[in-house]
Amino acid sequence: MDSVLDSRPLRFLANGVAATAVHFAILAFCLHVVGIGSAGASNLIASAGGVLASFLGNRHFVFRSTDSSLLAQLHRFGLLYLMLCLGQGLILYLWSDVGGLDYRVGFAIGVAVQAVCTYYGGQHWVFKPRS
């Protein structure tokens, strides 16, 4: 029987959970230990930590792609995340602001689209083995 860790989609899911935990831990640290009074500012700092954790996990654990340039991969990963953030904002805008529908459902749709695009963008662009 194959190991669970042989499944790239399951490794991707585990990495996402771990990166989210890093994001939340930094958020809580900024709010409760450092004493930053703004959840928004704290979340901005925490997001950077979560994205970095996601990048490192995807590079070393999910896609196991350490043969390419770290800086080139980081650049592509940053561009992918920027596009996905803008896309998720557009989805939420169209769903809630234009369509008048529940923002929580729009958020969930955006997260699902972002997860799928992150996986395929990582596999076929950011961490694609160079031939």
N, C-alpha and C. Protein backbone atom coordinates (compact mmCIF):
# COMPACT_ATOMS: atom_id res chain seq x y z
N MET A 1 0.85 -1.18 0.00
CA MET A 1 0.00 0.00 0.00
C MET A 1 0.89 1.25 0.00
N ASP A 2 0.53 2.20 -0.82
CA ASP A 2 1.30 3.44 -0.91
C ASP A 2 1.13 4.26 0.36
N SER A 3 2.16 4.99 0.69
CA SER A 3 2.12 5.91 1.82
C SER A 3 1.21 7.08 1.47
N VAL A 4 0.53 7.62 2.47
CA VAL A 4 -0.31 8.79 2.27
C VAL A 4 0.53 9.94 1.73
N LEU A 5 1.79 10.02 2.14
CA LEU A 5 2.64 11.12 1.70
C LEU A 5 3.11 10.97 0.25
N ASP A 6 2.78 9.84 -0.38
CA ASP A 6 3.08 9.69 -1.80
C ASP A 6 2.07 10.42 -2.66
N SER A 7 0.97 10.85 -2.08
CA SER A 7 -0.08 11.55 -2.81
C SER A 7 0.19 13.06 -2.78
N ARG A 8 0.51 13.61 -3.93
CA ARG A 8 0.79 15.05 -3.99
C ARG A 8 -0.40 15.89 -3.54
N PRO A 9 -1.64 15.57 -3.96
CA PRO A 9 -2.77 16.38 -3.47
C PRO A 9 -2.91 16.36 -1.95
N LEU A 10 -2.62 15.22 -1.31
CA LEU A 10 -2.70 15.17 0.15
C LEU A 10 -1.56 15.96 0.79
N ARG A 11 -0.39 15.92 0.18
CA ARG A 11 0.72 16.75 0.68
C ARG A 11 0.37 18.23 0.53
N PHE A 12 -0.28 18.58 -0.58
CA PHE A 12 -0.70 19.96 -0.80
C PHE A 12 -1.70 20.39 0.27
N LEU A 13 -2.65 19.54 0.57
CA LEU A 13 -3.64 19.83 1.62
C LEU A 13 -2.96 19.99 2.98
N ALA A 14 -2.05 19.09 3.31
CA ALA A 14 -1.34 19.17 4.59
C ALA A 14 -0.50 20.45 4.67
N ASN A 15 0.13 20.81 3.56
CA ASN A 15 0.91 22.04 3.53
C ASN A 15 0.02 23.27 3.72
N GLY A 16 -1.14 23.25 3.12
CA GLY A 16 -2.08 24.35 3.28
C GLY A 16 -2.53 24.51 4.72
N VAL A 17 -2.80 23.39 5.38
CA VAL A 17 -3.19 23.43 6.80
C VAL A 17 -2.04 23.98 7.64
N ALA A 18 -0.82 23.51 7.36
CA ALA A 18 0.34 23.98 8.12
C ALA A 18 0.59 25.47 7.89
N ALA A 19 0.50 25.93 6.64
CA ALA A 19 0.71 27.35 6.35
C ALA A 19 -0.36 28.21 7.00
N THR A 20 -1.58 27.72 7.04
CA THR A 20 -2.66 28.44 7.71
C THR A 20 -2.40 28.52 9.21
N ALA A 21 -1.89 27.45 9.79
CA ALA A 21 -1.56 27.45 11.22
C ALA A 21 -0.44 28.46 11.51
N VAL A 22 0.55 28.52 10.64
CA VAL A 22 1.63 29.51 10.80
C VAL A 22 1.04 30.92 10.71
N HIS A 23 0.19 31.15 9.73
CA HIS A 23 -0.46 32.44 9.55
C HIS A 23 -1.22 32.83 10.82
N PHE A 24 -2.03 31.92 11.34
CA PHE A 24 -2.83 32.23 12.52
C PHE A 24 -1.95 32.44 13.75
N ALA A 25 -0.90 31.65 13.91
CA ALA A 25 -0.01 31.79 15.06
C ALA A 25 0.67 33.17 15.06
N ILE A 26 1.11 33.61 13.87
CA ILE A 26 1.74 34.93 13.78
C ILE A 26 0.71 36.02 14.05
N LEU A 27 -0.50 35.84 13.55
CA LEU A 27 -1.57 36.80 13.81
C LEU A 27 -1.81 36.95 15.31
N ALA A 28 -1.97 35.83 16.00
CA ALA A 28 -2.21 35.86 17.44
C ALA A 28 -1.02 36.45 18.18
N PHE A 29 0.19 36.11 17.76
CA PHE A 29 1.40 36.65 18.38
C PHE A 29 1.44 38.17 18.25
N CYS A 30 1.16 38.66 17.05
CA CYS A 30 1.17 40.11 16.82
C CYS A 30 0.12 40.83 17.68
N LEU A 31 -1.05 40.22 17.78
CA LEU A 31 -2.13 40.86 18.54
C LEU A 31 -1.91 40.78 20.04
N HIS A 32 -1.52 39.60 20.54
CA HIS A 32 -1.53 39.36 21.98
C HIS A 32 -0.17 39.49 22.66
N VAL A 33 0.92 39.29 21.94
CA VAL A 33 2.24 39.38 22.55
C VAL A 33 2.91 40.72 22.19
N VAL A 34 2.95 41.01 20.90
CA VAL A 34 3.57 42.25 20.46
C VAL A 34 2.68 43.45 20.83
N GLY A 35 1.37 43.24 20.81
CA GLY A 35 0.45 44.30 21.18
C GLY A 35 0.06 45.22 20.05
N ILE A 36 0.16 44.75 18.82
CA ILE A 36 -0.32 45.55 17.69
C ILE A 36 -1.84 45.65 17.83
N GLY A 37 -2.35 46.85 17.87
CA GLY A 37 -3.77 47.05 18.14
C GLY A 37 -4.70 46.81 16.98
N SER A 38 -4.16 46.61 15.81
CA SER A 38 -4.98 46.44 14.62
C SER A 38 -4.93 45.00 14.12
N ALA A 39 -6.10 44.39 14.02
CA ALA A 39 -6.16 43.03 13.47
C ALA A 39 -5.76 43.05 12.00
N GLY A 40 -6.14 44.11 11.28
CA GLY A 40 -5.78 44.22 9.87
C GLY A 40 -4.28 44.30 9.66
N ALA A 41 -3.61 45.15 10.45
CA ALA A 41 -2.15 45.27 10.34
C ALA A 41 -1.48 43.97 10.76
N SER A 42 -1.98 43.38 11.83
CA SER A 42 -1.43 42.10 12.30
C SER A 42 -1.60 41.02 11.24
N ASN A 43 -2.75 41.03 10.58
CA ASN A 43 -3.01 40.02 9.55
C ASN A 43 -2.11 40.23 8.34
N LEU A 44 -1.80 41.47 8.02
CA LEU A 44 -0.90 41.74 6.90
C LEU A 44 0.48 41.14 7.18
N ILE A 45 0.98 41.32 8.39
CA ILE A 45 2.26 40.73 8.79
C ILE A 45 2.16 39.20 8.77
N ALA A 46 1.07 38.70 9.35
CA ALA A 46 0.87 37.25 9.43
C ALA A 46 0.74 36.62 8.05
N SER A 47 0.10 37.33 7.12
CA SER A 47 -0.05 36.81 5.76
C SER A 47 1.31 36.54 5.12
N ALA A 48 2.24 37.45 5.35
CA ALA A 48 3.59 37.26 4.79
C ALA A 48 4.21 35.97 5.33
N GLY A 49 4.03 35.71 6.62
CA GLY A 49 4.55 34.47 7.20
C GLY A 49 3.86 33.25 6.65
N GLY A 50 2.55 33.33 6.48
CA GLY A 50 1.79 32.20 5.92
C GLY A 50 2.17 31.91 4.49
N VAL A 51 2.35 32.96 3.69
CA VAL A 51 2.74 32.78 2.29
C VAL A 51 4.14 32.19 2.20
N LEU A 52 5.06 32.66 3.04
CA LEU A 52 6.41 32.10 3.05
C LEU A 52 6.40 30.62 3.45
N ALA A 53 5.61 30.30 4.48
CA ALA A 53 5.49 28.89 4.89
C ALA A 53 4.90 28.05 3.76
N SER A 54 3.90 28.59 3.07
CA SER A 54 3.30 27.88 1.94
C SER A 54 4.32 27.66 0.84
N PHE A 55 5.09 28.69 0.51
CA PHE A 55 6.11 28.57 -0.53
C PHE A 55 7.13 27.49 -0.18
N LEU A 56 7.68 27.56 1.03
CA LEU A 56 8.70 26.59 1.43
C LEU A 56 8.14 25.17 1.46
N GLY A 57 6.92 25.02 1.97
CA GLY A 57 6.29 23.70 2.00
C GLY A 57 6.03 23.16 0.61
N ASN A 58 5.56 24.04 -0.29
CA ASN A 58 5.32 23.60 -1.66
C ASN A 58 6.63 23.23 -2.35
N ARG A 59 7.66 24.01 -2.12
CA ARG A 59 8.95 23.76 -2.79
C ARG A 59 9.58 22.45 -2.31
N HIS A 60 9.61 22.26 -1.00
CA HIS A 60 10.35 21.13 -0.44
C HIS A 60 9.51 19.88 -0.18
N PHE A 61 8.22 20.05 0.08
CA PHE A 61 7.39 18.93 0.52
C PHE A 61 6.37 18.51 -0.54
N VAL A 62 5.65 19.46 -1.10
CA VAL A 62 4.57 19.11 -2.04
C VAL A 62 5.14 18.74 -3.40
N PHE A 63 5.88 19.67 -4.01
CA PHE A 63 6.37 19.46 -5.36
C PHE A 63 7.80 18.95 -5.41
N ARG A 64 8.50 19.02 -4.28
CA ARG A 64 9.87 18.52 -4.16
C ARG A 64 10.73 19.01 -5.32
N SER A 65 10.72 20.34 -5.46
CA SER A 65 11.36 20.98 -6.60
C SER A 65 12.45 21.92 -6.12
N THR A 66 13.60 21.34 -5.82
CA THR A 66 14.71 22.16 -5.33
C THR A 66 15.83 22.28 -6.36
N ASP A 67 15.59 21.78 -7.57
CA ASP A 67 16.62 21.84 -8.59
C ASP A 67 16.62 23.17 -9.34
N SER A 68 15.55 23.94 -9.24
CA SER A 68 15.46 25.24 -9.91
C SER A 68 15.89 26.34 -8.95
N SER A 69 16.12 27.51 -9.49
CA SER A 69 16.54 28.66 -8.71
C SER A 69 15.48 29.05 -7.68
N LEU A 70 15.91 29.17 -6.44
CA LEU A 70 15.01 29.59 -5.37
C LEU A 70 14.40 30.95 -5.68
N LEU A 71 15.21 31.89 -6.11
CA LEU A 71 14.69 33.23 -6.40
C LEU A 71 13.71 33.24 -7.56
N ALA A 72 13.98 32.45 -8.59
CA ALA A 72 13.05 32.38 -9.73
C ALA A 72 11.72 31.79 -9.28
N GLN A 73 11.77 30.72 -8.48
CA GLN A 73 10.54 30.12 -7.98
C GLN A 73 9.79 31.08 -7.07
N LEU A 74 10.51 31.77 -6.21
CA LEU A 74 9.88 32.74 -5.30
C LEU A 74 9.21 33.86 -6.09
N HIS A 75 9.85 34.31 -7.14
CA HIS A 75 9.27 35.34 -8.00
C HIS A 75 7.98 34.86 -8.64
N ARG A 76 8.01 33.66 -9.23
CA ARG A 76 6.80 33.11 -9.87
C ARG A 76 5.71 32.88 -8.84
N PHE A 77 6.08 32.39 -7.65
CA PHE A 77 5.11 32.14 -6.59
C PHE A 77 4.44 33.45 -6.17
N GLY A 78 5.25 34.50 -6.03
CA GLY A 78 4.71 35.81 -5.67
C GLY A 78 3.74 36.33 -6.71
N LEU A 79 4.10 36.17 -7.98
CA LEU A 79 3.20 36.60 -9.06
C LEU A 79 1.91 35.78 -9.07
N LEU A 80 2.03 34.48 -8.85
CA LEU A 80 0.84 33.63 -8.80
C LEU A 80 -0.07 34.07 -7.66
N TYR A 81 0.49 34.29 -6.48
CA TYR A 81 -0.32 34.71 -5.34
C TYR A 81 -0.96 36.07 -5.57
N LEU A 82 -0.24 36.99 -6.20
CA LEU A 82 -0.80 38.30 -6.51
C LEU A 82 -2.00 38.16 -7.44
N MET A 83 -1.85 37.36 -8.48
CA MET A 83 -2.96 37.14 -9.42
C MET A 83 -4.14 36.49 -8.71
N LEU A 84 -3.86 35.52 -7.84
CA LEU A 84 -4.94 34.84 -7.14
C LEU A 84 -5.65 35.75 -6.14
N CYS A 85 -4.90 36.61 -5.47
CA CYS A 85 -5.53 37.56 -4.55
C CYS A 85 -6.45 38.51 -5.30
N LEU A 86 -5.99 39.00 -6.44
CA LEU A 86 -6.82 39.88 -7.26
C LEU A 86 -8.04 39.13 -7.79
N GLY A 87 -7.83 37.90 -8.19
CA GLY A 87 -8.95 37.08 -8.68
C GLY A 87 -9.98 36.80 -7.60
N GLN A 88 -9.50 36.51 -6.39
CA GLN A 88 -10.43 36.25 -5.30
C GLN A 88 -11.20 37.52 -4.95
N GLY A 89 -10.51 38.66 -4.99
CA GLY A 89 -11.20 39.93 -4.75
C GLY A 89 -12.27 40.18 -5.80
N LEU A 90 -11.97 39.86 -7.07
CA LEU A 90 -12.95 40.03 -8.14
C LEU A 90 -14.15 39.11 -7.95
N ILE A 91 -13.88 37.86 -7.57
CA ILE A 91 -14.97 36.92 -7.32
C ILE A 91 -15.88 37.44 -6.21
N LEU A 92 -15.29 37.89 -5.13
CA LEU A 92 -16.08 38.38 -4.00
C LEU A 92 -16.84 39.65 -4.39
N TYR A 93 -16.21 40.53 -5.16
CA TYR A 93 -16.86 41.74 -5.62
C TYR A 93 -18.09 41.41 -6.47
N LEU A 94 -17.89 40.54 -7.46
CA LEU A 94 -18.99 40.18 -8.35
C LEU A 94 -20.09 39.44 -7.60
N TRP A 95 -19.71 38.51 -6.73
CA TRP A 95 -20.68 37.70 -6.00
C TRP A 95 -21.50 38.54 -5.02
N SER A 96 -20.80 39.34 -4.21
CA SER A 96 -21.47 40.04 -3.11
C SER A 96 -21.88 41.46 -3.46
N ASP A 97 -20.93 42.24 -3.99
CA ASP A 97 -21.22 43.65 -4.23
C ASP A 97 -22.14 43.85 -5.43
N VAL A 98 -21.88 43.14 -6.51
CA VAL A 98 -22.71 43.27 -7.70
C VAL A 98 -23.94 42.37 -7.60
N GLY A 99 -23.71 41.12 -7.20
CA GLY A 99 -24.81 40.16 -7.16
C GLY A 99 -25.67 40.23 -5.91
N GLY A 100 -25.19 40.89 -4.87
CA GLY A 100 -25.96 41.01 -3.64
C GLY A 100 -26.09 39.71 -2.87
N LEU A 101 -25.19 38.78 -3.09
CA LEU A 101 -25.26 37.47 -2.44
C LEU A 101 -24.36 37.44 -1.21
N ASP A 102 -24.56 36.44 -0.36
CA ASP A 102 -23.85 36.30 0.91
C ASP A 102 -22.34 36.24 0.69
N TYR A 103 -21.61 37.17 1.33
CA TYR A 103 -20.16 37.25 1.16
C TYR A 103 -19.45 35.99 1.61
N ARG A 104 -20.01 35.27 2.59
CA ARG A 104 -19.35 34.05 3.08
C ARG A 104 -19.31 32.97 2.01
N VAL A 105 -20.38 32.87 1.25
CA VAL A 105 -20.42 31.91 0.15
C VAL A 105 -19.43 32.33 -0.93
N GLY A 106 -19.41 33.62 -1.25
CA GLY A 106 -18.46 34.13 -2.22
C GLY A 106 -17.03 33.90 -1.79
N PHE A 107 -16.77 34.09 -0.49
CA PHE A 107 -15.43 33.84 0.05
C PHE A 107 -15.06 32.38 -0.12
N ALA A 108 -15.98 31.48 0.21
CA ALA A 108 -15.72 30.04 0.08
C ALA A 108 -15.45 29.67 -1.38
N ILE A 109 -16.21 30.25 -2.30
CA ILE A 109 -15.98 29.98 -3.72
C ILE A 109 -14.59 30.48 -4.12
N GLY A 110 -14.24 31.68 -3.67
CA GLY A 110 -12.92 32.24 -3.97
C GLY A 110 -11.79 31.39 -3.42
N VAL A 111 -11.95 30.89 -2.21
CA VAL A 111 -10.92 30.04 -1.60
C VAL A 111 -10.77 28.73 -2.39
N ALA A 112 -11.90 28.15 -2.81
CA ALA A 112 -11.84 26.91 -3.59
C ALA A 112 -11.13 27.14 -4.92
N VAL A 113 -11.48 28.22 -5.60
CA VAL A 113 -10.83 28.55 -6.88
C VAL A 113 -9.34 28.79 -6.65
N GLN A 114 -9.01 29.51 -5.58
CA GLN A 114 -7.62 29.82 -5.27
C GLN A 114 -6.83 28.54 -4.98
N ALA A 115 -7.41 27.61 -4.25
CA ALA A 115 -6.71 26.36 -3.93
C ALA A 115 -6.41 25.56 -5.19
N VAL A 116 -7.40 25.44 -6.07
CA VAL A 116 -7.20 24.69 -7.31
C VAL A 116 -6.14 25.38 -8.19
N CYS A 117 -6.25 26.69 -8.31
CA CYS A 117 -5.28 27.43 -9.14
C CYS A 117 -3.88 27.41 -8.54
N THR A 118 -3.78 27.45 -7.22
CA THR A 118 -2.47 27.37 -6.57
C THR A 118 -1.82 26.01 -6.84
N TYR A 119 -2.62 24.96 -6.74
CA TYR A 119 -2.08 23.61 -6.99
C TYR A 119 -1.58 23.50 -8.43
N TYR A 120 -2.44 23.84 -9.38
CA TYR A 120 -2.05 23.67 -10.78
C TYR A 120 -1.00 24.70 -11.21
N GLY A 121 -1.08 25.90 -10.67
CA GLY A 121 -0.05 26.90 -10.96
C GLY A 121 1.30 26.48 -10.40
N GLY A 122 1.28 25.88 -9.22
CA GLY A 122 2.52 25.37 -8.64
C GLY A 122 3.09 24.22 -9.44
N GLN A 123 2.22 23.31 -9.83
CA GLN A 123 2.67 22.12 -10.55
C GLN A 123 3.17 22.45 -11.95
N HIS A 124 2.47 23.33 -12.65
CA HIS A 124 2.77 23.55 -14.06
C HIS A 124 3.56 24.82 -14.36
N TRP A 125 3.80 25.65 -13.33
CA TRP A 125 4.54 26.89 -13.60
C TRP A 125 5.61 27.16 -12.54
N VAL A 126 5.18 27.35 -11.30
CA VAL A 126 6.14 27.77 -10.26
C VAL A 126 7.19 26.71 -9.99
N PHE A 127 6.75 25.47 -9.79
CA PHE A 127 7.67 24.40 -9.39
C PHE A 127 7.85 23.35 -10.49
N LYS A 128 7.51 23.69 -11.72
CA LYS A 128 7.63 22.76 -12.84
C LYS A 128 9.11 22.41 -13.02
N PRO A 129 9.41 21.12 -13.10
CA PRO A 129 10.81 20.73 -13.33
C PRO A 129 11.31 21.30 -14.65
N ARG A 130 12.48 21.84 -14.62
CA ARG A 130 13.09 22.42 -15.83
C ARG A 130 13.75 21.32 -16.64
N SER A 131 13.47 21.30 -17.94
CA SER A 131 14.07 20.25 -18.77
C SER A 131 15.22 20.76 -19.59
